[in-house]
Amino acid sequence: MCNDVFFSELDDLDLSILGKKGYTYDTYFPETADMAEFIYNAYNNGMDIICQCEYGQSRSAGTAAAIMEHFYKSGIWIFADYDRFPNQVVFHKVYDALENYKKNNS
């Protein structure tokens, strides 16, 4: 894997299922701080950011929506697209990590 790819193995889970799978909100998707740093590095270097999960609908859409919302305040359009099913937990985890990264590195 090259330096321009961030890989995370992540189950596509809803908030109501996390506990049944042994997760809490805090323990689910622990890589988000590292992902936020990766996203900021790509963004600051003028690189395109492509989000892709196995099916290209939920986790990737949630991640893309978080990135769009954080940088451009336009992530809602991904939730409004009926071809996508953004994972809301992924959205919040990535969005929160981006906000924290900005706050701690500005």
C-alpha atoms as a PDB file:
ATOM      1  CA  MET A   1       0.000   0.000   0.000  1.00  0.00           C
ATOM      2  CA  CYS A   2       1.297   3.469  -0.832  1.00  0.00           C
ATOM      3  CA  ASN A   3       1.329   6.592   1.347  1.00  0.00           C
ATOM      4  CA  ASP A   4      -1.592   8.098  -0.581  1.00  0.00           C
ATOM      5  CA  VAL A   5      -4.085   5.469   0.592  1.00  0.00           C
ATOM      6  CA  PHE A   6      -5.686   5.281   4.000  1.00  0.00           C
ATOM      7  CA  PHE A   7      -7.088   1.823   4.641  1.00  0.00           C
ATOM      8  CA  SER A   8      -9.429   0.999   7.479  1.00  0.00           C
ATOM      9  CA  GLU A   9     -11.287  -2.247   7.975  1.00  0.00           C
ATOM     10  CA  LEU A  10     -14.660  -1.212   9.315  1.00  0.00           C
ATOM     11  CA  ASP A  11     -17.959  -3.007   9.806  1.00  0.00           C
ATOM     12  CA  ASP A  12     -20.976  -1.124   8.451  1.00  0.00           C
ATOM     13  CA  LEU A  13     -22.909  -0.786  11.699  1.00  0.00           C
ATOM     14  CA  ASP A  14     -25.789   1.361  12.842  1.00  0.00           C
ATOM     15  CA  LEU A  15     -25.702   3.057  16.238  1.00  0.00           C
ATOM     16  CA  SER A  16     -28.354   0.657  17.553  1.00  0.00           C
ATOM     17  CA  ILE A  17     -26.201  -2.374  16.605  1.00  0.00           C
ATOM     18  CA  LEU A  18     -22.863  -1.229  18.050  1.00  0.00           C
ATOM     19  CA  GLY A  19     -23.475  -2.729  21.506  1.00  0.00           C
ATOM     20  CA  LYS A  20     -24.626  -6.036  20.060  1.00  0.00           C
ATOM     21  CA  LYS A  21     -21.307  -6.284  18.190  1.00  0.00           C
ATOM     22  CA  GLY A  22     -19.236  -5.399  21.270  1.00  0.00           C
ATOM     23  CA  TYR A  23     -18.602  -1.742  20.449  1.00  0.00           C
ATOM     24  CA  THR A  24     -19.417   1.567  22.034  1.00  0.00           C
ATOM     25  CA  TYR A  25     -19.461   4.830  20.110  1.00  0.00           C
ATOM     26  CA  ASP A  26     -15.972   5.525  21.469  1.00  0.00           C
ATOM     27  CA  THR A  27     -14.487   2.129  20.558  1.00  0.00           C
ATOM     28  CA  TYR A  28     -16.032   1.903  17.072  1.00  0.00           C
ATOM     29  CA  PHE A  29     -13.761   3.190  14.287  1.00  0.00           C
ATOM     30  CA  PRO A  30     -10.749   4.110  16.448  1.00  0.00           C
ATOM     31  CA  GLU A  31      -8.679   5.165  13.397  1.00  0.00           C
ATOM     32  CA  THR A  32     -10.582   8.414  12.878  1.00  0.00           C
ATOM     33  CA  ALA A  33      -7.883  10.645  14.407  1.00  0.00           C
ATOM     34  CA  ASP A  34      -5.313   9.155  12.022  1.00  0.00           C
ATOM     35  CA  MET A  35      -7.802   9.454   9.172  1.00  0.00           C
ATOM     36  CA  ALA A  36      -8.393  13.129   9.970  1.00  0.00           C
ATOM     37  CA  GLU A  37      -4.651  13.800   9.785  1.00  0.00           C
ATOM     38  CA  PHE A  38      -4.466  11.928   6.470  1.00  0.00           C
ATOM     39  CA  ILE A  39      -7.439  13.901   5.084  1.00  0.00           C
ATOM     40  CA  TYR A  40      -5.951  17.231   6.172  1.00  0.00           C
ATOM     41  CA  ASN A  41      -2.598  16.346   4.592  1.00  0.00           C
ATOM     42  CA  ALA A  42      -4.312  15.443   1.329  1.00  0.00           C
ATOM     43  CA  TYR A  43      -6.508  18.548   1.433  1.00  0.00           C
ATOM     44  CA  ASN A  44      -3.602  20.877   2.236  1.00  0.00           C
ATOM     45  CA  ASN A  45      -1.575  19.365  -0.618  1.00  0.00           C
ATOM     46  CA  GLY A  46      -4.405  19.953  -3.101  1.00  0.00           C
ATOM     47  CA  MET A  47      -5.029  16.253  -3.625  1.00  0.00           C
ATOM     48  CA  ASP A  48      -8.354  14.714  -4.567  1.00  0.00           C
ATOM     49  CA  ILE A  49      -9.894  12.559  -1.855  1.00  0.00           C
ATOM     50  CA  ILE A  50     -11.735   9.446  -2.979  1.00  0.00           C
ATOM     51  CA  CYS A  51     -13.788   7.503  -0.449  1.00  0.00           C
ATOM     52  CA  GLN A  52     -14.566   3.903  -1.307  1.00  0.00           C
ATOM     53  CA  CYS A  53     -16.054   1.116   0.779  1.00  0.00           C
ATOM     54  CA  GLU A  54     -16.961  -2.375  -0.350  1.00  0.00           C
ATOM     55  CA  TYR A  55     -20.319  -1.350  -1.816  1.00  0.00           C
ATOM     56  CA  GLY A  56     -19.637   2.367  -2.263  1.00  0.00           C
ATOM     57  CA  GLN A  57     -22.766   3.513  -0.459  1.00  0.00           C
ATOM     58  CA  SER A  58     -22.746   3.687   3.307  1.00  0.00           C
ATOM     59  CA  ARG A  59     -19.301   3.962   4.895  1.00  0.00           C
ATOM     60  CA  SER A  60     -17.766   5.804   1.975  1.00  0.00           C
ATOM     61  CA  ALA A  61     -20.805   8.073   1.669  1.00  0.00           C
ATOM     62  CA  GLY A  62     -20.682   8.830   5.392  1.00  0.00           C
ATOM     63  CA  THR A  63     -16.978   9.649   5.146  1.00  0.00           C
ATOM     64  CA  ALA A  64     -17.452  11.803   2.041  1.00  0.00           C
ATOM     65  CA  ALA A  65     -20.357  13.647   3.680  1.00  0.00           C
ATOM     66  CA  ALA A  66     -18.216  14.376   6.754  1.00  0.00           C
ATOM     67  CA  ILE A  67     -15.381  15.723   4.595  1.00  0.00           C
ATOM     68  CA  MET A  68     -17.763  17.850   2.525  1.00  0.00           C
ATOM     69  CA  GLU A  69     -19.505  19.174   5.630  1.00  0.00           C
ATOM     70  CA  HIS A  70     -16.275  19.958   7.452  1.00  0.00           C
ATOM     71  CA  PHE A  71     -14.518  21.799   4.631  1.00  0.00           C
ATOM     72  CA  TYR A  72     -17.423  23.170   2.558  1.00  0.00           C
ATOM     73  CA  LYS A  73     -20.571  22.944   4.747  1.00  0.00           C
ATOM     74  CA  SER A  74     -22.255  20.979   1.951  1.00  0.00           C
ATOM     75  CA  GLY A  75     -22.300  17.390   3.232  1.00  0.00           C
ATOM     76  CA  ILE A  76     -26.094  17.312   3.476  1.00  0.00           C
ATOM     77  CA  TRP A  77     -26.471  16.760  -0.256  1.00  0.00           C
ATOM     78  CA  ILE A  78     -24.953  13.277   0.140  1.00  0.00           C
ATOM     79  CA  PHE A  79     -27.686  12.446   2.664  1.00  0.00           C
ATOM     80  CA  ALA A  80     -30.287  13.799   0.228  1.00  0.00           C
ATOM     81  CA  ASP A  81     -29.105  11.521  -2.614  1.00  0.00           C
ATOM     82  CA  TYR A  82     -31.355   8.439  -2.637  1.00  0.00           C
ATOM     83  CA  ASP A  83     -28.631   6.399  -4.353  1.00  0.00           C
ATOM     84  CA  ARG A  84     -26.507   6.654  -1.207  1.00  0.00           C
ATOM     85  CA  PHE A  85     -27.136   5.419   2.314  1.00  0.00           C
ATOM     86  CA  PRO A  86     -24.550   7.312   4.406  1.00  0.00           C
ATOM     87  CA  ASN A  87     -23.654   5.597   7.625  1.00  0.00           C
ATOM     88  CA  GLN A  88     -24.497   8.196  10.258  1.00  0.00           C
ATOM     89  CA  VAL A  89     -22.093   6.794  12.840  1.00  0.00           C
ATOM     90  CA  VAL A  90     -19.228   6.954  10.339  1.00  0.00           C
ATOM     91  CA  PHE A  91     -20.277  10.496   9.400  1.00  0.00           C
ATOM     92  CA  HIS A  92     -20.204  11.666  13.025  1.00  0.00           C
ATOM     93  CA  LYS A  93     -16.968   9.876  13.886  1.00  0.00           C
ATOM     94  CA  VAL A  94     -15.107  11.336  10.872  1.00  0.00           C
ATOM     95  CA  TYR A  95     -16.672  14.786  11.227  1.00  0.00           C
ATOM     96  CA  ASP A  96     -15.799  14.941  14.940  1.00  0.00           C
ATOM     97  CA  ALA A  97     -12.237  13.802  14.208  1.00  0.00           C
ATOM     98  CA  LEU A  98     -11.837  16.492  11.546  1.00  0.00           C
ATOM     99  CA  GLU A  99     -13.178  19.161  13.892  1.00  0.00           C
ATOM    100  CA  ASN A 100     -10.815  18.000  16.659  1.00  0.00           C
ATOM    101  CA  TYR A 101      -7.867  17.951  14.270  1.00  0.00           C
ATOM    102  CA  LYS A 102      -8.629  21.500  13.152  1.00  0.00           C
ATOM    103  CA  LYS A 103      -9.002  22.709  16.745  1.00  0.00           C
ATOM    104  CA  ASN A 104      -5.757  21.078  17.888  1.00  0.00           C
ATOM    105  CA  ASN A 105      -3.641  21.978  14.849  1.00  0.00           C
ATOM    106  CA  SER A 106      -4.698  25.512  13.978  1.00  0.00           C
END
